[in-house]
Amino acid sequence: METTTLLYSIIDRIGKQKIRSELTSDIESSRHYIEMIMDNCEKHIEATDEDALGSLCEGLLHFMLTVCSLPSNRKVEINNTVLDIVIPNLHTLKTFPNKSIVIYSEKRPTI
């Protein structure tokens, strides 16, 4: 199963609205949900599959940002480089780079 599909199937099983509601009232509950989601996903991903684990973490971060009403863009390209996550969005990065956060992980070559 594709990592993103797995992630969102587990989130759907827990309940997006339930997660959103609890995070809105208590941001500290995010730790509980992150651990719960990661534990459920890791059962289906091999521990040695770094790409799948990285994709899982990236997708979960994007989901948590969205649930907390923090805008972000995932997998955006700028100057032939694909950025994993841009907060708040690509437009802000281009016009006000000092008001943006960029998360980028370079793929390491396999030896």
PDB file of N, CA and C in Angstrom:
ATOM      1  N   MET A   1       0.850  -1.177   0.000  1.00  0.00           N
ATOM      2  CA  MET A   1       0.000   0.000   0.000  1.00  0.00           C
ATOM      3  C   MET A   1       0.896   1.241   0.000  1.00  0.00           C
ATOM      4  N   GLU A   2       0.549   2.204  -0.804  1.00  0.00           N
ATOM      5  CA  GLU A   2       1.306   3.449  -0.870  1.00  0.00           C
ATOM      6  C   GLU A   2       1.266   4.132   0.497  1.00  0.00           C
ATOM      7  N   THR A   3       2.375   4.772   0.851  1.00  0.00           N
ATOM      8  CA  THR A   3       2.514   5.383   2.170  1.00  0.00           C
ATOM      9  C   THR A   3       1.431   6.410   2.457  1.00  0.00           C
ATOM     10  N   THR A   4       1.144   7.285   1.502  1.00  0.00           N
ATOM     11  CA  THR A   4       0.130   8.316   1.714  1.00  0.00           C
ATOM     12  C   THR A   4      -1.247   7.690   1.909  1.00  0.00           C
ATOM     13  N   THR A   5      -1.557   6.670   1.141  1.00  0.00           N
ATOM     14  CA  THR A   5      -2.834   5.968   1.273  1.00  0.00           C
ATOM     15  C   THR A   5      -2.933   5.316   2.641  1.00  0.00           C
ATOM     16  N   LEU A   6      -1.848   4.684   3.072  1.00  0.00           N
ATOM     17  CA  LEU A   6      -1.810   4.063   4.391  1.00  0.00           C
ATOM     18  C   LEU A   6      -2.028   5.106   5.486  1.00  0.00           C
ATOM     19  N   LEU A   7      -1.295   6.206   5.402  1.00  0.00           N
ATOM     20  CA  LEU A   7      -1.401   7.275   6.391  1.00  0.00           C
ATOM     21  C   LEU A   7      -2.838   7.768   6.519  1.00  0.00           C
ATOM     22  N   TYR A   8      -3.450   8.107   5.400  1.00  0.00           N
ATOM     23  CA  TYR A   8      -4.801   8.669   5.458  1.00  0.00           C
ATOM     24  C   TYR A   8      -5.867   7.637   5.802  1.00  0.00           C
ATOM     25  N   SER A   9      -5.612   6.366   5.530  1.00  0.00           N
ATOM     26  CA  SER A   9      -6.579   5.346   5.959  1.00  0.00           C
ATOM     27  C   SER A   9      -6.555   5.216   7.481  1.00  0.00           C
ATOM     28  N   ILE A  10      -5.396   5.331   8.083  1.00  0.00           N
ATOM     29  CA  ILE A  10      -5.297   5.275   9.544  1.00  0.00           C
ATOM     30  C   ILE A  10      -5.891   6.534  10.167  1.00  0.00           C
ATOM     31  N   ILE A  11      -5.608   7.688   9.569  1.00  0.00           N
ATOM     32  CA  ILE A  11      -6.204   8.941  10.055  1.00  0.00           C
ATOM     33  C   ILE A  11      -7.727   8.867   9.968  1.00  0.00           C
ATOM     34  N   ASP A  12      -8.251   8.344   8.858  1.00  0.00           N
ATOM     35  CA  ASP A  12      -9.702   8.207   8.700  1.00  0.00           C
ATOM     36  C   ASP A  12     -10.282   7.252   9.743  1.00  0.00           C
ATOM     37  N   ARG A  13      -9.548   6.187  10.056  1.00  0.00           N
ATOM     38  CA  ARG A  13     -10.010   5.221  11.047  1.00  0.00           C
ATOM     39  C   ARG A  13     -10.120   5.882  12.436  1.00  0.00           C
ATOM     40  N   ILE A  14      -9.144   6.720  12.775  1.00  0.00           N
ATOM     41  CA  ILE A  14      -9.179   7.440  14.057  1.00  0.00           C
ATOM     42  C   ILE A  14     -10.251   8.521  14.014  1.00  0.00           C
ATOM     43  N   GLY A  15     -10.337   9.207  12.879  1.00  0.00           N
ATOM     44  CA  GLY A  15     -11.324  10.262  12.694  1.00  0.00           C
ATOM     45  C   GLY A  15     -10.672  11.628  12.601  1.00  0.00           C
ATOM     46  N   LYS A  16     -10.698  12.203  11.388  1.00  0.00           N
ATOM     47  CA  LYS A  16     -10.097  13.524  11.177  1.00  0.00           C
ATOM     48  C   LYS A  16     -10.711  14.569  12.095  1.00  0.00           C
ATOM     49  N   GLN A  17     -12.037  14.544  12.202  1.00  0.00           N
ATOM     50  CA  GLN A  17     -12.717  15.544  13.024  1.00  0.00           C
ATOM     51  C   GLN A  17     -12.374  15.389  14.498  1.00  0.00           C
ATOM     52  N   LYS A  18     -12.234  14.149  14.940  1.00  0.00           N
ATOM     53  CA  LYS A  18     -11.860  13.889  16.334  1.00  0.00           C
ATOM     54  C   LYS A  18     -10.473  14.467  16.607  1.00  0.00           C
ATOM     55  N   ILE A  19      -9.526  14.205  15.712  1.00  0.00           N
ATOM     56  CA  ILE A  19      -8.168  14.725  15.864  1.00  0.00           C
ATOM     57  C   ILE A  19      -8.202  16.251  15.856  1.00  0.00           C
ATOM     58  N   ARG A  20      -8.879  16.824  14.876  1.00  0.00           N
ATOM     59  CA  ARG A  20      -8.967  18.290  14.761  1.00  0.00           C
ATOM     60  C   ARG A  20      -9.564  18.901  16.032  1.00  0.00           C
ATOM     61  N   SER A  21     -10.646  18.320  16.515  1.00  0.00           N
ATOM     62  CA  SER A  21     -11.320  18.834  17.696  1.00  0.00           C
ATOM     63  C   SER A  21     -10.412  18.789  18.927  1.00  0.00           C
ATOM     64  N   GLU A  22      -9.739  17.684  19.119  1.00  0.00           N
ATOM     65  CA  GLU A  22      -8.874  17.560  20.295  1.00  0.00           C
ATOM     66  C   GLU A  22      -7.645  18.467  20.196  1.00  0.00           C
ATOM     67  N   LEU A  23      -7.079  18.604  18.998  1.00  0.00           N
ATOM     68  CA  LEU A  23      -5.919  19.486  18.849  1.00  0.00           C
ATOM     69  C   LEU A  23      -6.299  20.946  19.025  1.00  0.00           C
ATOM     70  N   THR A  24      -7.503  21.297  18.618  1.00  0.00           N
ATOM     71  CA  THR A  24      -7.978  22.668  18.781  1.00  0.00           C
ATOM     72  C   THR A  24      -8.087  23.028  20.254  1.00  0.00           C
ATOM     73  N   SER A  25      -8.562  22.091  21.064  1.00  0.00           N
ATOM     74  CA  SER A  25      -8.737  22.372  22.490  1.00  0.00           C
ATOM     75  C   SER A  25      -7.477  22.105  23.310  1.00  0.00           C
ATOM     76  N   ASP A  26      -6.577  21.227  22.803  1.00  0.00           N
ATOM     77  CA  ASP A  26      -5.366  20.885  23.552  1.00  0.00           C
ATOM     78  C   ASP A  26      -4.266  20.461  22.581  1.00  0.00           C
ATOM     79  N   ILE A  27      -3.403  21.396  22.224  1.00  0.00           N
ATOM     80  CA  ILE A  27      -2.338  21.111  21.246  1.00  0.00           C
ATOM     81  C   ILE A  27      -1.389  20.020  21.737  1.00  0.00           C
ATOM     82  N   GLU A  28      -1.280  19.856  23.045  1.00  0.00           N
ATOM     83  CA  GLU A  28      -0.415  18.811  23.596  1.00  0.00           C
ATOM     84  C   GLU A  28      -0.881  17.409  23.203  1.00  0.00           C
ATOM     85  N   SER A  29      -2.155  17.264  22.850  1.00  0.00           N
ATOM     86  CA  SER A  29      -2.655  15.952  22.425  1.00  0.00           C
ATOM     87  C   SER A  29      -2.064  15.528  21.079  1.00  0.00           C
ATOM     88  N   SER A  30      -1.402  16.457  20.399  1.00  0.00           N
ATOM     89  CA  SER A  30      -0.781  16.108  19.116  1.00  0.00           C
ATOM     90  C   SER A  30       0.243  14.991  19.289  1.00  0.00           C
ATOM     91  N   ARG A  31       0.980  15.007  20.399  1.00  0.00           N
ATOM     92  CA  ARG A  31       1.976  13.955  20.659  1.00  0.00           C
ATOM     93  C   ARG A  31       1.302  12.581  20.672  1.00  0.00           C
ATOM     94  N   HIS A  32       0.176  12.490  21.355  1.00  0.00           N
ATOM     95  CA  HIS A  32      -0.564  11.230  21.439  1.00  0.00           C
ATOM     96  C   HIS A  32      -0.966  10.749  20.037  1.00  0.00           C
ATOM     97  N   TYR A  33      -1.522  11.652  19.230  1.00  0.00           N
ATOM     98  CA  TYR A  33      -1.979  11.256  17.899  1.00  0.00           C
ATOM     99  C   TYR A  33      -0.818  10.934  16.967  1.00  0.00           C
ATOM    100  N   ILE A  34       0.261  11.686  17.057  1.00  0.00           N
ATOM    101  CA  ILE A  34       1.430  11.384  16.221  1.00  0.00           C
ATOM    102  C   ILE A  34       1.957   9.993  16.542  1.00  0.00           C
ATOM    103  N   GLU A  35       2.093   9.690  17.829  1.00  0.00           N
ATOM    104  CA  GLU A  35       2.579   8.364  18.226  1.00  0.00           C
ATOM    105  C   GLU A  35       1.623   7.263  17.776  1.00  0.00           C
ATOM    106  N   MET A  36       0.323   7.485  17.947  1.00  0.00           N
ATOM    107  CA  MET A  36      -0.673   6.496  17.552  1.00  0.00           C
ATOM    108  C   MET A  36      -0.625   6.244  16.040  1.00  0.00           C
ATOM    109  N   ILE A  37      -0.579   7.301  15.266  1.00  0.00           N
ATOM    110  CA  ILE A  37      -0.563   7.169  13.801  1.00  0.00           C
ATOM    111  C   ILE A  37       0.735   6.508  13.344  1.00  0.00           C
ATOM    112  N   MET A  38       1.857   6.953  13.888  1.00  0.00           N
ATOM    113  CA  MET A  38       3.150   6.360  13.500  1.00  0.00           C
ATOM    114  C   MET A  38       3.200   4.873  13.858  1.00  0.00           C
ATOM    115  N   ASP A  39       2.762   4.513  15.055  1.00  0.00           N
ATOM    116  CA  ASP A  39       2.758   3.103  15.458  1.00  0.00           C
ATOM    117  C   ASP A  39       1.938   2.253  14.502  1.00  0.00           C
ATOM    118  N   ASN A  40       0.764   2.737  14.129  1.00  0.00           N
ATOM    119  CA  ASN A  40      -0.093   1.985  13.211  1.00  0.00           C
ATOM    120  C   ASN A  40       0.500   1.887  11.818  1.00  0.00           C
ATOM    121  N   CYS A  41       1.132   2.957  11.358  1.00  0.00           N
ATOM    122  CA  CYS A  41       1.726   2.946  10.017  1.00  0.00           C
ATOM    123  C   CYS A  41       2.972   2.072   9.963  1.00  0.00           C
ATOM    124  N   GLU A  42       3.797   2.152  11.002  1.00  0.00           N
ATOM    125  CA  GLU A  42       5.059   1.408  10.996  1.00  0.00           C
ATOM    126  C   GLU A  42       4.850  -0.098  10.955  1.00  0.00           C
ATOM    127  N   LYS A  43       3.689  -0.573  11.382  1.00  0.00           N
ATOM    128  CA  LYS A  43       3.380  -2.001  11.307  1.00  0.00           C
ATOM    129  C   LYS A  43       3.339  -2.484   9.859  1.00  0.00           C
ATOM    130  N   HIS A  44       3.108  -1.551   8.931  1.00  0.00           N
ATOM    131  CA  HIS A  44       2.933  -1.897   7.521  1.00  0.00           C
ATOM    132  C   HIS A  44       4.122  -1.477   6.654  1.00  0.00           C
ATOM    133  N   ILE A  45       5.136  -0.890   7.269  1.00  0.00           N
ATOM    134  CA  ILE A  45       6.303  -0.408   6.521  1.00  0.00           C
ATOM    135  C   ILE A  45       7.554  -1.066   7.091  1.00  0.00           C
ATOM    136  N   GLU A  46       8.414  -1.523   6.225  1.00  0.00           N
ATOM    137  CA  GLU A  46       9.659  -2.111   6.693  1.00  0.00           C
ATOM    138  C   GLU A  46      10.552  -1.035   7.296  1.00  0.00           C
ATOM    139  N   ALA A  47      11.165  -1.349   8.423  1.00  0.00           N
ATOM    140  CA  ALA A  47      12.007  -0.375   9.132  1.00  0.00           C
ATOM    141  C   ALA A  47      13.183   0.090   8.285  1.00  0.00           C
ATOM    142  N   THR A  48      13.579  -0.684   7.304  1.00  0.00           N
ATOM    143  CA  THR A  48      14.713  -0.318   6.456  1.00  0.00           C
ATOM    144  C   THR A  48      14.304   0.538   5.260  1.00  0.00           C
ATOM    145  N   ASP A  49      13.023   0.732   5.059  1.00  0.00           N
ATOM    146  CA  ASP A  49      12.534   1.511   3.910  1.00  0.00           C
ATOM    147  C   ASP A  49      12.519   2.998   4.269  1.00  0.00           C
ATOM    148  N   GLU A  50      13.689   3.627   4.154  1.00  0.00           N
ATOM    149  CA  GLU A  50      13.843   5.026   4.541  1.00  0.00           C
ATOM    150  C   GLU A  50      12.959   5.959   3.720  1.00  0.00           C
ATOM    151  N   ASP A  51      12.778   5.676   2.442  1.00  0.00           N
ATOM    152  CA  ASP A  51      11.924   6.519   1.604  1.00  0.00           C
ATOM    153  C   ASP A  51      10.485   6.503   2.102  1.00  0.00           C
ATOM    154  N   ALA A  52       9.982   5.313   2.428  1.00  0.00           N
ATOM    155  CA  ALA A  52       8.605   5.202   2.906  1.00  0.00           C
ATOM    156  C   ALA A  52       8.451   5.887   4.263  1.00  0.00           C
ATOM    157  N   LEU A  53       9.415   5.707   5.152  1.00  0.00           N
ATOM    158  CA  LEU A  53       9.341   6.348   6.467  1.00  0.00           C
ATOM    159  C   LEU A  53       9.425   7.871   6.333  1.00  0.00           C
ATOM    160  N   GLY A  54      10.295   8.344   5.443  1.00  0.00           N
ATOM    161  CA  GLY A  54      10.401   9.787   5.213  1.00  0.00           C
ATOM    162  C   GLY A  54       9.118  10.354   4.642  1.00  0.00           C
ATOM    163  N   SER A  55       8.533   9.652   3.702  1.00  0.00           N
ATOM    164  CA  SER A  55       7.273  10.083   3.101  1.00  0.00           C
ATOM    165  C   SER A  55       6.154  10.087   4.139  1.00  0.00           C
ATOM    166  N   LEU A  56       6.155   9.088   4.999  1.00  0.00           N
ATOM    167  CA  LEU A  56       5.167   9.010   6.070  1.00  0.00           C
ATOM    168  C   LEU A  56       5.289  10.213   7.007  1.00  0.00           C
ATOM    169  N   CYS A  57       6.509  10.518   7.436  1.00  0.00           N
ATOM    170  CA  CYS A  57       6.728  11.645   8.354  1.00  0.00           C
ATOM    171  C   CYS A  57       6.338  12.970   7.696  1.00  0.00           C
ATOM    172  N   GLU A  58       6.679  13.117   6.439  1.00  0.00           N
ATOM    173  CA  GLU A  58       6.345  14.337   5.702  1.00  0.00           C
ATOM    174  C   GLU A  58       4.826  14.497   5.577  1.00  0.00           C
ATOM    175  N   GLY A  59       4.147  13.425   5.228  1.00  0.00           N
ATOM    176  CA  GLY A  59       2.693  13.464   5.100  1.00  0.00           C
ATOM    177  C   GLY A  59       2.010  13.750   6.426  1.00  0.00           C
ATOM    178  N   LEU A  60       2.536  13.153   7.503  1.00  0.00           N
ATOM    179  CA  LEU A  60       1.957  13.381   8.824  1.00  0.00           C
ATOM    180  C   LEU A  60       2.175  14.819   9.270  1.00  0.00           C
ATOM    181  N   LEU A  61       3.348  15.371   8.998  1.00  0.00           N
ATOM    182  CA  LEU A  61       3.603  16.778   9.325  1.00  0.00           C
ATOM    183  C   LEU A  61       2.621  17.685   8.583  1.00  0.00           C
ATOM    184  N   HIS A  62       2.443  17.439   7.301  1.00  0.00           N
ATOM    185  CA  HIS A  62       1.519  18.248   6.500  1.00  0.00           C
ATOM    186  C   HIS A  62       0.092  18.148   7.061  1.00  0.00           C
ATOM    187  N   PHE A  63      -0.323  16.939   7.408  1.00  0.00           N
ATOM    188  CA  PHE A  63      -1.658  16.753   7.987  1.00  0.00           C
ATOM    189  C   PHE A  63      -1.794  17.532   9.293  1.00  0.00           C
ATOM    190  N   MET A  64      -0.805  17.419  10.178  1.00  0.00           N
ATOM    191  CA  MET A  64      -0.875  18.106  11.469  1.00  0.00           C
ATOM    192  C   MET A  64      -0.896  19.626  11.291  1.00  0.00           C
ATOM    193  N   LEU A  65      -0.111  20.130  10.357  1.00  0.00           N
ATOM    194  CA  LEU A  65      -0.142  21.568  10.083  1.00  0.00           C
ATOM    195  C   LEU A  65      -1.529  21.995   9.607  1.00  0.00           C
ATOM    196  N   THR A  66      -2.117  21.200   8.739  1.00  0.00           N
ATOM    197  CA  THR A  66      -3.448  21.506   8.209  1.00  0.00           C
ATOM    198  C   THR A  66      -4.499  21.471   9.320  1.00  0.00           C
ATOM    199  N   VAL A  67      -4.436  20.445  10.154  1.00  0.00           N
ATOM    200  CA  VAL A  67      -5.385  20.311  11.259  1.00  0.00           C
ATOM    201  C   VAL A  67      -5.271  21.508  12.207  1.00  0.00           C
ATOM    202  N   CYS A  68      -4.060  22.002  12.391  1.00  0.00           N
ATOM    203  CA  CYS A  68      -3.841  23.153  13.287  1.00  0.00           C
ATOM    204  C   CYS A  68      -4.076  24.477  12.566  1.00  0.00           C
ATOM    205  N   SER A  69      -4.612  24.414  11.372  1.00  0.00           N
ATOM    206  CA  SER A  69      -4.925  25.597  10.561  1.00  0.00           C
ATOM    207  C   SER A  69      -3.690  26.418  10.203  1.00  0.00           C
ATOM    208  N   LEU A  70      -2.564  25.742  10.044  1.00  0.00           N
ATOM    209  CA  LEU A  70      -1.351  26.391   9.564  1.00  0.00           C
ATOM    210  C   LEU A  70      -1.189  26.027   8.095  1.00  0.00           C
ATOM    211  N   PRO A  71      -1.291  26.995   7.210  1.00  0.00           N
ATOM    212  CA  PRO A  71      -1.206  26.674   5.781  1.00  0.00           C
ATOM    213  C   PRO A  71       0.173  26.148   5.413  1.00  0.00           C
ATOM    214  N   SER A  72       0.185  25.216   4.480  1.00  0.00           N
ATOM    215  CA  SER A  72       1.447  24.680   3.965  1.00  0.00           C
ATOM    216  C   SER A  72       1.192  24.052   2.602  1.00  0.00           C
ATOM    217  N   ASN A  73       2.254  23.985   1.814  1.00  0.00           N
ATOM    218  CA  ASN A  73       2.208  23.295   0.527  1.00  0.00           C
ATOM    219  C   ASN A  73       3.196  22.151   0.590  1.00  0.00           C
ATOM    220  N   ARG A  74       2.820  21.033  -0.001  1.00  0.00           N
ATOM    221  CA  ARG A  74       3.663  19.847  -0.003  1.00  0.00           C
ATOM    222  C   ARG A  74       4.108  19.559  -1.430  1.00  0.00           C
ATOM    223  N   LYS A  75       5.357  19.167  -1.562  1.00  0.00           N
ATOM    224  CA  LYS A  75       5.927  18.779  -2.861  1.00  0.00           C
ATOM    225  C   LYS A  75       5.768  19.881  -3.903  1.00  0.00           C
ATOM    226  N   VAL A  76       6.386  21.019  -3.651  1.00  0.00           N
ATOM    227  CA  VAL A  76       6.352  22.114  -4.615  1.00  0.00           C
ATOM    228  C   VAL A  76       7.727  22.250  -5.256  1.00  0.00           C
ATOM    229  N   GLU A  77       7.727  22.657  -6.509  1.00  0.00           N
ATOM    230  CA  GLU A  77       8.984  22.778  -7.241  1.00  0.00           C
ATOM    231  C   GLU A  77       9.335  24.241  -7.446  1.00  0.00           C
ATOM    232  N   ILE A  78      10.597  24.556  -7.183  1.00  0.00           N
ATOM    233  CA  ILE A  78      11.117  25.888  -7.414  1.00  0.00           C
ATOM    234  C   ILE A  78      12.556  25.732  -7.902  1.00  0.00           C
ATOM    235  N   ASN A  79      12.864  26.360  -9.014  1.00  0.00           N
ATOM    236  CA  ASN A  79      14.210  26.270  -9.608  1.00  0.00           C
ATOM    237  C   ASN A  79      14.673  24.825  -9.781  1.00  0.00           C
ATOM    238  N   ASN A  80      13.798  23.984 -10.301  1.00  0.00           N
ATOM    239  CA  ASN A  80      14.086  22.573 -10.568  1.00  0.00           C
ATOM    240  C   ASN A  80      14.412  21.764  -9.316  1.00  0.00           C
ATOM    241  N   THR A  81      13.999  22.251  -8.163  1.00  0.00           N
ATOM    242  CA  THR A  81      14.183  21.526  -6.911  1.00  0.00           C
ATOM    243  C   THR A  81      12.808  21.312  -6.287  1.00  0.00           C
ATOM    244  N   VAL A  82      12.531  20.075  -5.917  1.00  0.00           N
ATOM    245  CA  VAL A  82      11.260  19.770  -5.274  1.00  0.00           C
ATOM    246  C   VAL A  82      11.445  19.912  -3.767  1.00  0.00           C
ATOM    247  N   LEU A  83      10.700  20.849  -3.184  1.00  0.00           N
ATOM    248  CA  LEU A  83      10.734  21.089  -1.748  1.00  0.00           C
ATOM    249  C   LEU A  83       9.670  20.216  -1.094  1.00  0.00           C
ATOM    250  N   ASP A  84      10.010  19.615   0.027  1.00  0.00           N
ATOM    251  CA  ASP A  84       9.074  18.707   0.685  1.00  0.00           C
ATOM    252  C   ASP A  84       7.871  19.450   1.253  1.00  0.00           C
ATOM    253  N   ILE A  85       8.127  20.497   2.033  1.00  0.00           N
ATOM    254  CA  ILE A  85       7.041  21.291   2.608  1.00  0.00           C
ATOM    255  C   ILE A  85       7.459  22.756   2.644  1.00  0.00           C
ATOM    256  N   VAL A  86       6.527  23.635   2.263  1.00  0.00           N
ATOM    257  CA  VAL A  86       6.740  25.077   2.347  1.00  0.00           C
ATOM    258  C   VAL A  86       5.626  25.643   3.221  1.00  0.00           C
ATOM    259  N   ILE A  87       6.027  26.405   4.224  1.00  0.00           N
ATOM    260  CA  ILE A  87       5.070  27.024   5.140  1.00  0.00           C
ATOM    261  C   ILE A  87       5.229  28.526   5.016  1.00  0.00           C
ATOM    262  N   PRO A  88       4.245  29.306   4.730  1.00  0.00           N
ATOM    263  CA  PRO A  88       2.850  28.947   4.531  1.00  0.00           C
ATOM    264  C   PRO A  88       2.547  28.475   3.105  1.00  0.00           C
ATOM    265  N   ASN A  89       3.239  29.026   2.073  1.00  0.00           N
ATOM    266  CA  ASN A  89       2.962  28.586   0.707  1.00  0.00           C
ATOM    267  C   ASN A  89       4.066  29.079  -0.227  1.00  0.00           C
ATOM    268  N   LEU A  90       4.015  28.616  -1.473  1.00  0.00           N
ATOM    269  CA  LEU A  90       5.032  28.958  -2.462  1.00  0.00           C
ATOM    270  C   LEU A  90       5.023  30.444  -2.799  1.00  0.00           C
ATOM    271  N   HIS A  91       3.840  31.033  -2.880  1.00  0.00           N
ATOM    272  CA  HIS A  91       3.736  32.465  -3.192  1.00  0.00           C
ATOM    273  C   HIS A  91       4.481  33.300  -2.143  1.00  0.00           C
ATOM    274  N   THR A  92       4.271  33.002  -0.877  1.00  0.00           N
ATOM    275  CA  THR A  92       4.947  33.741   0.191  1.00  0.00           C
ATOM    276  C   THR A  92       6.454  33.516   0.121  1.00  0.00           C
ATOM    277  N   LEU A  93       6.854  32.293  -0.178  1.00  0.00           N
ATOM    278  CA  LEU A  93       8.286  32.001  -0.301  1.00  0.00           C
ATOM    279  C   LEU A  93       8.923  32.855  -1.393  1.00  0.00           C
ATOM    280  N   LYS A  94       8.232  33.006  -2.512  1.00  0.00           N
ATOM    281  CA  LYS A  94       8.776  33.786  -3.624  1.00  0.00           C
ATOM    282  C   LYS A  94       8.774  35.285  -3.338  1.00  0.00           C
ATOM    283  N   THR A  95       7.742  35.783  -2.664  1.00  0.00           N
ATOM    284  CA  THR A  95       7.632  37.231  -2.459  1.00  0.00           C
ATOM    285  C   THR A  95       8.229  37.704  -1.131  1.00  0.00           C
ATOM    286  N   PHE A  96       8.132  36.886  -0.100  1.00  0.00           N
ATOM    287  CA  PHE A  96       8.667  37.235   1.225  1.00  0.00           C
ATOM    288  C   PHE A  96       9.408  36.030   1.805  1.00  0.00           C
ATOM    289  N   PRO A  97      10.546  35.670   1.249  1.00  0.00           N
ATOM    290  CA  PRO A  97      11.233  34.453   1.693  1.00  0.00           C
ATOM    291  C   PRO A  97      11.576  34.459   3.185  1.00  0.00           C
ATOM    292  N   ASN A  98      11.760  35.648   3.751  1.00  0.00           N
ATOM    293  CA  ASN A  98      12.087  35.723   5.175  1.00  0.00           C
ATOM    294  C   ASN A  98      10.879  35.385   6.064  1.00  0.00           C
ATOM    295  N   LYS A  99       9.703  35.241   5.466  1.00  0.00           N
ATOM    296  CA  LYS A  99       8.497  34.889   6.218  1.00  0.00           C
ATOM    297  C   LYS A  99       8.048  33.468   5.906  1.00  0.00           C
ATOM    298  N   SER A 100       8.974  32.647   5.445  1.00  0.00           N
ATOM    299  CA  SER A 100       8.650  31.280   5.044  1.00  0.00           C
ATOM    300  C   SER A 100       9.571  30.281   5.741  1.00  0.00           C
ATOM    301  N   ILE A 101       9.064  29.071   5.857  1.00  0.00           N
ATOM    302  CA  ILE A 101       9.858  27.947   6.339  1.00  0.00           C
ATOM    303  C   ILE A 101       9.861  26.909   5.234  1.00  0.00           C
ATOM    304  N   VAL A 102      11.035  26.366   4.939  1.00  0.00           N
ATOM    305  CA  VAL A 102      11.170  25.353   3.902  1.00  0.00           C
ATOM    306  C   VAL A 102      11.745  24.090   4.532  1.00  0.00           C
ATOM    307  N   ILE A 103      11.116  22.967   4.230  1.00  0.00           N
ATOM    308  CA  ILE A 103      11.640  21.673   4.658  1.00  0.00           C
ATOM    309  C   ILE A 103      11.994  20.914   3.392  1.00  0.00           C
ATOM    310  N   TYR A 104      13.255  20.545   3.325  1.00  0.00           N
ATOM    311  CA  TYR A 104      13.774  19.868   2.139  1.00  0.00           C
ATOM    312  C   TYR A 104      14.742  18.796   2.602  1.00  0.00           C
ATOM    313  N   SER A 105      14.566  17.591   2.118  1.00  0.00           N
ATOM    314  CA  SER A 105      15.531  16.535   2.434  1.00  0.00           C
ATOM    315  C   SER A 105      16.080  15.991   1.130  1.00  0.00           C
ATOM    316  N   GLU A 106      17.360  16.096   1.014  1.00  0.00           N
ATOM    317  CA  GLU A 106      18.036  15.632  -0.188  1.00  0.00           C
ATOM    318  C   GLU A 106      18.140  14.117  -0.151  1.00  0.00           C
ATOM    319  N   LYS A 107      17.843  13.510  -1.264  1.00  0.00           N
ATOM    320  CA  LYS A 107      17.962  12.047  -1.362  1.00  0.00           C
ATOM    321  C   LYS A 107      19.435  11.681  -1.361  1.00  0.00           C
ATOM    322  N   ARG A 108      19.780  10.726  -0.519  1.00  0.00           N
ATOM    323  CA  ARG A 108      21.150  10.245  -0.491  1.00  0.00           C
ATOM    324  C   ARG A 108      21.300   9.125  -1.503  1.00  0.00           C
ATOM    325  N   PRO A 109      22.394   9.112  -2.234  1.00  0.00           N
ATOM    326  CA  PRO A 109      22.591   8.018  -3.201  1.00  0.00           C
ATOM    327  C   PRO A 109      22.794   6.703  -2.485  1.00  0.00           C
ATOM    328  N   THR A 110      22.234   5.651  -3.062  1.00  0.00           N
ATOM    329  CA  THR A 110      22.395   4.316  -2.523  1.00  0.00           C
ATOM    330  C   THR A 110      23.733   3.750  -2.961  1.00  0.00           C
ATOM    331  N   ILE A 111      24.466   3.230  -2.020  1.00  0.00           N
ATOM    332  CA  ILE A 111      25.807   2.670  -2.337  1.00  0.00           C
ATOM    333  C   ILE A 111      25.722   1.191  -2.468  1.00  0.00           C
TER     334      ILE A 111
END
